[in-house]
Amino acid sequence: MKYLRTLTILTVGICLTSVVSLETTQPVQAISKKAAVNKPGYRKVRILKKTYVRKIHWKNPTYKSTLGPKRYVSKNDVVRIMRTGTDFGWYMKVPGYGGEFTILKHMNDYSWFTLNTKKPKSKKYKEGWSGNTYQSSNGTTLKVKNLKRISVFNYDNETSKPNETDLVLTVTLKNNGNKKITPSHWLESNLNIYPLNKSDDNMLFDVTDDQLITEDDNYSDKFDERKDKLPKNYYTTFCVILDGDKDDAKASTYTISDLDDHKFNVPVQI
């Protein structure tokens, strides 16, 4: 009986210790973060999410102070902040900008910054082709759907010859970078397109403009997509019309390569 009583006390003691440990471990991190910015003066922090701020135009007395237009600081920007229980609640100093800003966040919201000011390194991806899909160093991918030579006839064409013949490339682009991108500009900046067994001296380029095919119901939306800004984690399928020297525009197969000579060959469909 004495043995059982001792064992019970020991078990209860262990459980209480575990409970105390569980109850105190998690809050310590939140309290330390809160305490760090509740001290007098500014504290350097790193922004974890896009945060809107407004510049304070101080006046005397301070309650007559006014705020400038809304602007924002970006994720991973390093700034100095100070929490205050009066006036605007939070103050911020932004490198490169004079004066002080107020932060459009609740004074008890600590989720938008971290005390760790070291910026995380951007993940680097292996560049190159996997089948018909190209991946750039920031993870943005371009998938080649097809390359077609299309004959276009105007509605009042009375001859057997097409009004124009267009070499149309259709691809799907997914943006994995931190900034919006223009699909056709991304394609021109990252990849070269030229006839098989030739060099990029024979490169084709986007000439999409006033061609008849851009008004075709099957293609018009995809041509419009080539110039629409593409946000991060979004994808779009778009078309471009390729052209170059007369002989280069008539090849049956084309090479798509990046600056490091990663290549993919795509035949022309008719």
Protein backbone atom coordinates (compact mmCIF):
# COMPACT_ATOMS: atom_id res chain seq x y z
CA MET A 1 0.00 0.00 0.00
CA LYS A 2 2.83 2.33 0.89
CA TYR A 3 4.48 1.40 -2.40
CA LEU A 4 1.31 2.23 -4.34
CA ARG A 5 0.95 5.61 -2.59
CA THR A 6 4.55 6.53 -3.41
CA LEU A 7 4.08 5.50 -7.03
CA THR A 8 0.88 7.58 -7.27
CA ILE A 9 2.59 10.69 -5.88
CA LEU A 10 5.50 10.21 -8.27
CA THR A 11 3.16 9.79 -11.24
CA VAL A 12 1.16 12.88 -10.32
CA GLY A 13 4.39 14.83 -9.94
CA ILE A 14 5.57 13.81 -13.40
CA CYS A 15 2.20 14.73 -14.93
CA LEU A 16 2.20 18.13 -13.24
CA THR A 17 5.72 18.75 -14.50
CA SER A 18 4.62 17.83 -18.02
CA VAL A 19 1.60 20.11 -17.80
CA VAL A 20 3.71 23.01 -16.55
CA SER A 21 6.20 22.35 -19.32
CA LEU A 22 3.47 22.25 -21.97
CA GLU A 23 1.81 25.39 -20.63
CA THR A 24 4.99 27.45 -20.50
CA THR A 25 6.91 26.35 -23.59
CA GLN A 26 4.72 27.88 -26.29
CA PRO A 27 3.90 31.28 -24.67
CA VAL A 28 7.58 32.01 -24.00
CA GLN A 29 8.23 32.69 -27.69
CA ALA A 30 5.21 34.99 -28.05
CA ILE A 31 6.03 36.88 -24.85
CA SER A 32 9.67 37.37 -25.88
CA LYS A 33 8.59 38.77 -29.24
CA LYS A 34 6.06 41.07 -27.61
CA ALA A 35 8.47 42.20 -24.94
CA ALA A 36 11.15 43.03 -27.49
CA VAL A 37 9.00 45.63 -29.21
CA ASN A 38 7.34 46.96 -26.09
CA LYS A 39 10.60 48.46 -24.86
CA PRO A 40 11.33 52.18 -25.43
CA GLY A 41 12.91 53.02 -28.78
CA TYR A 42 12.90 51.39 -32.19
CA ARG A 43 13.60 47.71 -32.82
CA LYS A 44 14.86 46.27 -36.12
CA VAL A 45 12.54 43.59 -37.55
CA ARG A 46 11.83 41.82 -40.85
CA ILE A 47 8.40 42.07 -42.45
CA LEU A 48 6.65 38.71 -42.97
CA LYS A 49 3.78 39.91 -45.14
CA LYS A 50 2.90 42.88 -47.31
CA THR A 51 2.17 45.69 -44.83
CA TYR A 52 0.44 49.00 -45.51
CA VAL A 53 1.78 52.16 -43.87
CA ARG A 54 1.15 55.91 -44.00
CA LYS A 55 3.62 58.70 -43.30
CA ILE A 56 2.96 60.82 -40.20
CA HIS A 57 3.01 64.58 -40.67
CA TRP A 58 3.63 65.67 -37.10
CA LYS A 59 1.95 68.80 -35.74
CA ASN A 60 1.82 70.49 -32.36
CA PRO A 61 -0.23 69.44 -30.46
CA THR A 62 0.25 65.89 -31.70
CA TYR A 63 -3.45 65.09 -31.95
CA LYS A 64 -3.60 67.47 -34.91
CA SER A 65 -1.04 65.40 -36.82
CA THR A 66 -2.15 64.03 -40.20
CA LEU A 67 -1.36 60.99 -42.34
CA GLY A 68 -0.04 60.80 -45.89
CA PRO A 69 -1.35 58.48 -48.63
CA LYS A 70 -1.26 54.72 -48.14
CA ARG A 71 1.86 52.87 -49.34
CA TYR A 72 3.29 49.50 -48.43
CA VAL A 73 6.47 47.74 -47.38
CA SER A 74 7.13 44.38 -48.98
CA LYS A 75 7.64 40.94 -47.49
CA ASN A 76 11.20 40.45 -46.12
CA ASP A 77 11.92 44.22 -45.97
CA VAL A 78 13.98 45.08 -42.87
CA VAL A 79 12.64 48.13 -41.02
CA ARG A 80 12.55 49.60 -37.50
CA ILE A 81 9.33 49.59 -35.51
CA MET A 82 8.15 50.87 -32.15
CA ARG A 83 4.90 50.05 -30.39
CA THR A 84 3.17 52.76 -28.44
CA GLY A 85 -0.13 52.75 -26.60
CA THR A 86 -1.03 56.29 -27.64
CA ASP A 87 -1.69 58.22 -30.84
CA PHE A 88 -1.09 55.85 -33.79
CA GLY A 89 -0.25 52.63 -31.93
CA TRP A 90 2.73 51.57 -34.09
CA TYR A 91 5.54 53.66 -35.57
CA MET A 92 7.94 52.59 -38.31
CA LYS A 93 11.12 53.93 -39.88
CA VAL A 94 11.76 52.72 -43.42
CA PRO A 95 15.31 52.75 -44.90
CA GLY A 96 15.51 55.27 -47.73
CA TYR A 97 12.51 57.28 -46.54
CA GLY A 98 12.62 60.21 -44.14
CA GLY A 99 10.28 60.70 -41.20
CA GLU A 100 8.09 58.20 -39.39
CA PHE A 101 5.21 56.05 -40.55
CA THR A 102 2.21 54.58 -38.82
CA ILE A 103 1.49 50.91 -39.46
CA LEU A 104 -2.03 49.95 -40.43
CA LYS A 105 -2.10 47.01 -38.01
CA HIS A 106 -3.77 46.48 -34.65
CA MET A 107 -1.41 47.25 -31.78
CA ASN A 108 -1.79 43.69 -30.41
CA ASP A 109 -1.07 42.03 -33.76
CA TYR A 110 2.49 40.64 -33.81
CA SER A 111 2.03 38.23 -36.71
CA TRP A 112 3.36 40.48 -39.49
CA PHE A 113 7.03 40.70 -38.43
CA THR A 114 9.89 38.63 -37.02
CA LEU A 115 12.88 39.56 -34.87
CA ASN A 116 15.06 37.47 -37.17
CA THR A 117 16.27 40.08 -39.67
CA LYS A 118 18.22 37.63 -41.84
CA LYS A 119 16.45 37.40 -45.19
CA PRO A 120 15.74 33.84 -46.38
CA LYS A 121 17.57 32.78 -49.50
CA SER A 122 15.48 32.31 -52.60
CA LYS A 123 15.23 28.71 -53.68
CA LYS A 124 17.19 27.94 -56.83
CA TYR A 125 15.79 25.49 -59.33
CA LYS A 126 17.64 23.42 -61.89
CA GLU A 127 17.32 25.04 -65.29
CA GLY A 128 16.51 22.98 -68.33
CA TRP A 129 13.95 20.90 -70.17
CA SER A 130 11.94 17.93 -68.98
CA GLY A 131 10.11 16.70 -72.06
CA ASN A 132 8.35 19.72 -73.53
CA THR A 133 8.50 21.77 -70.30
CA TYR A 134 11.24 24.29 -69.53
CA GLN A 135 12.06 25.35 -65.95
CA SER A 136 13.98 28.54 -65.14
CA SER A 137 16.19 29.17 -62.10
CA ASN A 138 13.31 30.66 -60.06
CA GLY A 139 10.95 27.78 -60.86
CA THR A 140 8.90 29.51 -63.53
CA THR A 141 7.87 26.92 -66.13
CA LEU A 142 6.95 27.10 -69.81
CA LYS A 143 5.22 24.16 -71.47
CA VAL A 144 5.23 23.99 -75.27
CA LYS A 145 1.79 22.89 -76.48
CA ASN A 146 2.33 23.17 -80.25
CA LEU A 147 3.88 25.10 -83.11
CA LYS A 148 1.61 25.45 -86.14
CA ARG A 149 1.85 27.01 -89.59
CA ILE A 150 -1.64 28.33 -90.22
CA SER A 151 -3.06 29.66 -93.49
CA VAL A 152 -5.53 32.49 -93.01
CA PHE A 153 -8.14 33.59 -95.55
CA ASN A 154 -10.07 36.81 -95.36
CA TYR A 155 -13.85 36.46 -95.56
CA ASP A 156 -14.00 38.08 -99.01
CA ASN A 157 -11.04 36.17 -100.45
CA GLU A 158 -11.86 34.98 -103.95
CA THR A 159 -8.48 33.40 -104.71
CA SER A 160 -7.08 30.03 -103.78
CA LYS A 161 -4.12 31.65 -102.01
CA PRO A 162 -4.25 32.58 -98.29
CA ASN A 163 -4.11 36.22 -97.27
CA GLU A 164 -1.38 35.34 -94.78
CA THR A 165 0.45 32.34 -93.41
CA ASP A 166 1.42 32.56 -89.73
CA LEU A 167 3.82 30.48 -87.64
CA VAL A 168 1.99 30.33 -84.32
CA LEU A 169 3.58 29.09 -81.09
CA THR A 170 1.21 28.11 -78.25
CA VAL A 171 2.65 27.66 -74.74
CA THR A 172 1.54 27.59 -71.11
CA LEU A 173 3.53 29.75 -68.68
CA LYS A 174 3.38 29.46 -64.87
CA ASN A 175 4.99 32.26 -62.85
CA ASN A 176 6.88 31.09 -59.77
CA GLY A 177 8.80 34.34 -59.27
CA ASN A 178 8.09 37.12 -56.78
CA LYS A 179 7.02 39.70 -59.38
CA LYS A 180 4.35 39.89 -62.03
CA ILE A 181 5.62 39.05 -65.50
CA THR A 182 4.43 39.77 -69.02
CA PRO A 183 4.28 36.38 -70.82
CA SER A 184 5.59 37.48 -74.24
CA HIS A 185 8.37 39.54 -72.63
CA TRP A 186 9.39 36.59 -70.42
CA LEU A 187 9.56 34.35 -73.49
CA GLU A 188 11.74 36.81 -75.43
CA SER A 189 14.03 37.47 -72.43
CA ASN A 190 14.67 33.85 -71.47
CA LEU A 191 14.48 31.71 -74.61
CA ASN A 192 15.72 31.82 -78.21
CA ILE A 193 13.82 30.21 -81.10
CA TYR A 194 15.58 29.35 -84.36
CA PRO A 195 15.55 26.69 -87.11
CA LEU A 196 16.96 23.26 -86.25
CA ASN A 197 20.72 22.90 -86.90
CA LYS A 198 21.17 26.67 -87.07
CA SER A 199 22.27 29.16 -84.40
CA ASP A 200 20.49 31.96 -82.58
CA ASP A 201 21.82 34.26 -85.31
CA ASN A 202 18.79 32.93 -87.21
CA MET A 203 16.41 33.67 -84.35
CA LEU A 204 12.69 34.17 -84.87
CA PHE A 205 10.89 36.88 -82.91
CA ASP A 206 7.36 37.81 -81.91
CA VAL A 207 5.63 39.90 -84.58
CA THR A 208 2.08 39.61 -83.23
CA ASP A 209 0.32 42.83 -84.17
CA ASP A 210 -2.35 43.36 -86.83
CA GLN A 211 -2.42 39.93 -88.44
CA LEU A 212 -5.80 38.54 -89.40
CA ILE A 213 -5.42 35.49 -87.16
CA THR A 214 -5.44 37.65 -84.03
CA GLU A 215 -9.16 38.24 -84.67
CA ASP A 216 -9.95 34.54 -85.05
CA ASP A 217 -12.28 33.26 -82.30
CA ASN A 218 -10.01 30.27 -81.65
CA TYR A 219 -6.95 32.42 -81.05
CA SER A 220 -7.91 35.98 -80.10
CA ASP A 221 -8.04 35.38 -76.33
CA LYS A 222 -4.69 33.59 -76.36
CA PHE A 223 -3.05 36.44 -78.24
CA ASP A 224 -4.46 38.89 -75.70
CA GLU A 225 -2.97 36.81 -72.86
CA ARG A 226 0.57 37.39 -74.13
CA LYS A 227 0.59 40.98 -72.77
CA ASP A 228 -1.48 40.55 -69.59
CA LYS A 229 0.53 40.70 -66.35
CA LEU A 230 0.86 37.28 -64.71
CA PRO A 231 1.05 37.26 -60.85
CA LYS A 232 3.04 34.75 -58.83
CA ASN A 233 1.60 31.20 -58.75
CA TYR A 234 -0.71 31.95 -61.69
CA TYR A 235 -0.49 30.39 -65.14
CA THR A 236 -1.80 31.24 -68.59
CA THR A 237 -1.84 29.76 -72.07
CA PHE A 238 -0.89 32.26 -74.75
CA CYS A 239 0.09 32.47 -78.43
CA VAL A 240 2.72 34.43 -80.31
CA ILE A 241 3.35 34.75 -84.06
CA LEU A 242 6.99 34.05 -84.95
CA ASP A 243 8.82 35.53 -87.89
CA GLY A 244 12.33 36.28 -89.11
CA ASP A 245 14.30 36.06 -92.31
CA LYS A 246 12.26 34.57 -95.13
CA ASP A 247 14.15 31.26 -95.24
CA ASP A 248 14.28 30.90 -91.45
CA ALA A 249 10.51 31.24 -91.17
CA LYS A 250 9.94 28.24 -93.46
CA ALA A 251 11.76 25.53 -91.49
CA SER A 252 9.95 22.32 -90.53
CA THR A 253 11.49 22.03 -87.04
CA TYR A 254 12.67 24.69 -84.60
CA THR A 255 14.96 24.69 -81.57
CA ILE A 256 14.00 26.50 -78.35
CA SER A 257 17.02 27.13 -76.13
CA ASP A 258 18.03 29.21 -73.12
CA LEU A 259 21.26 31.18 -72.64
CA ASP A 260 22.98 28.06 -71.23
CA ASP A 261 22.13 26.11 -74.39
CA HIS A 262 19.49 23.84 -72.85
CA LYS A 263 17.53 22.82 -75.96
CA PHE A 264 14.20 21.41 -77.05
CA ASN A 265 13.22 20.71 -80.66
CA VAL A 266 9.62 21.20 -81.74
CA PRO A 267 8.27 20.22 -85.18
CA VAL A 268 5.84 22.45 -87.07
CA GLN A 269 2.28 21.16 -87.45
CA ILE A 270 0.36 22.07 -90.58
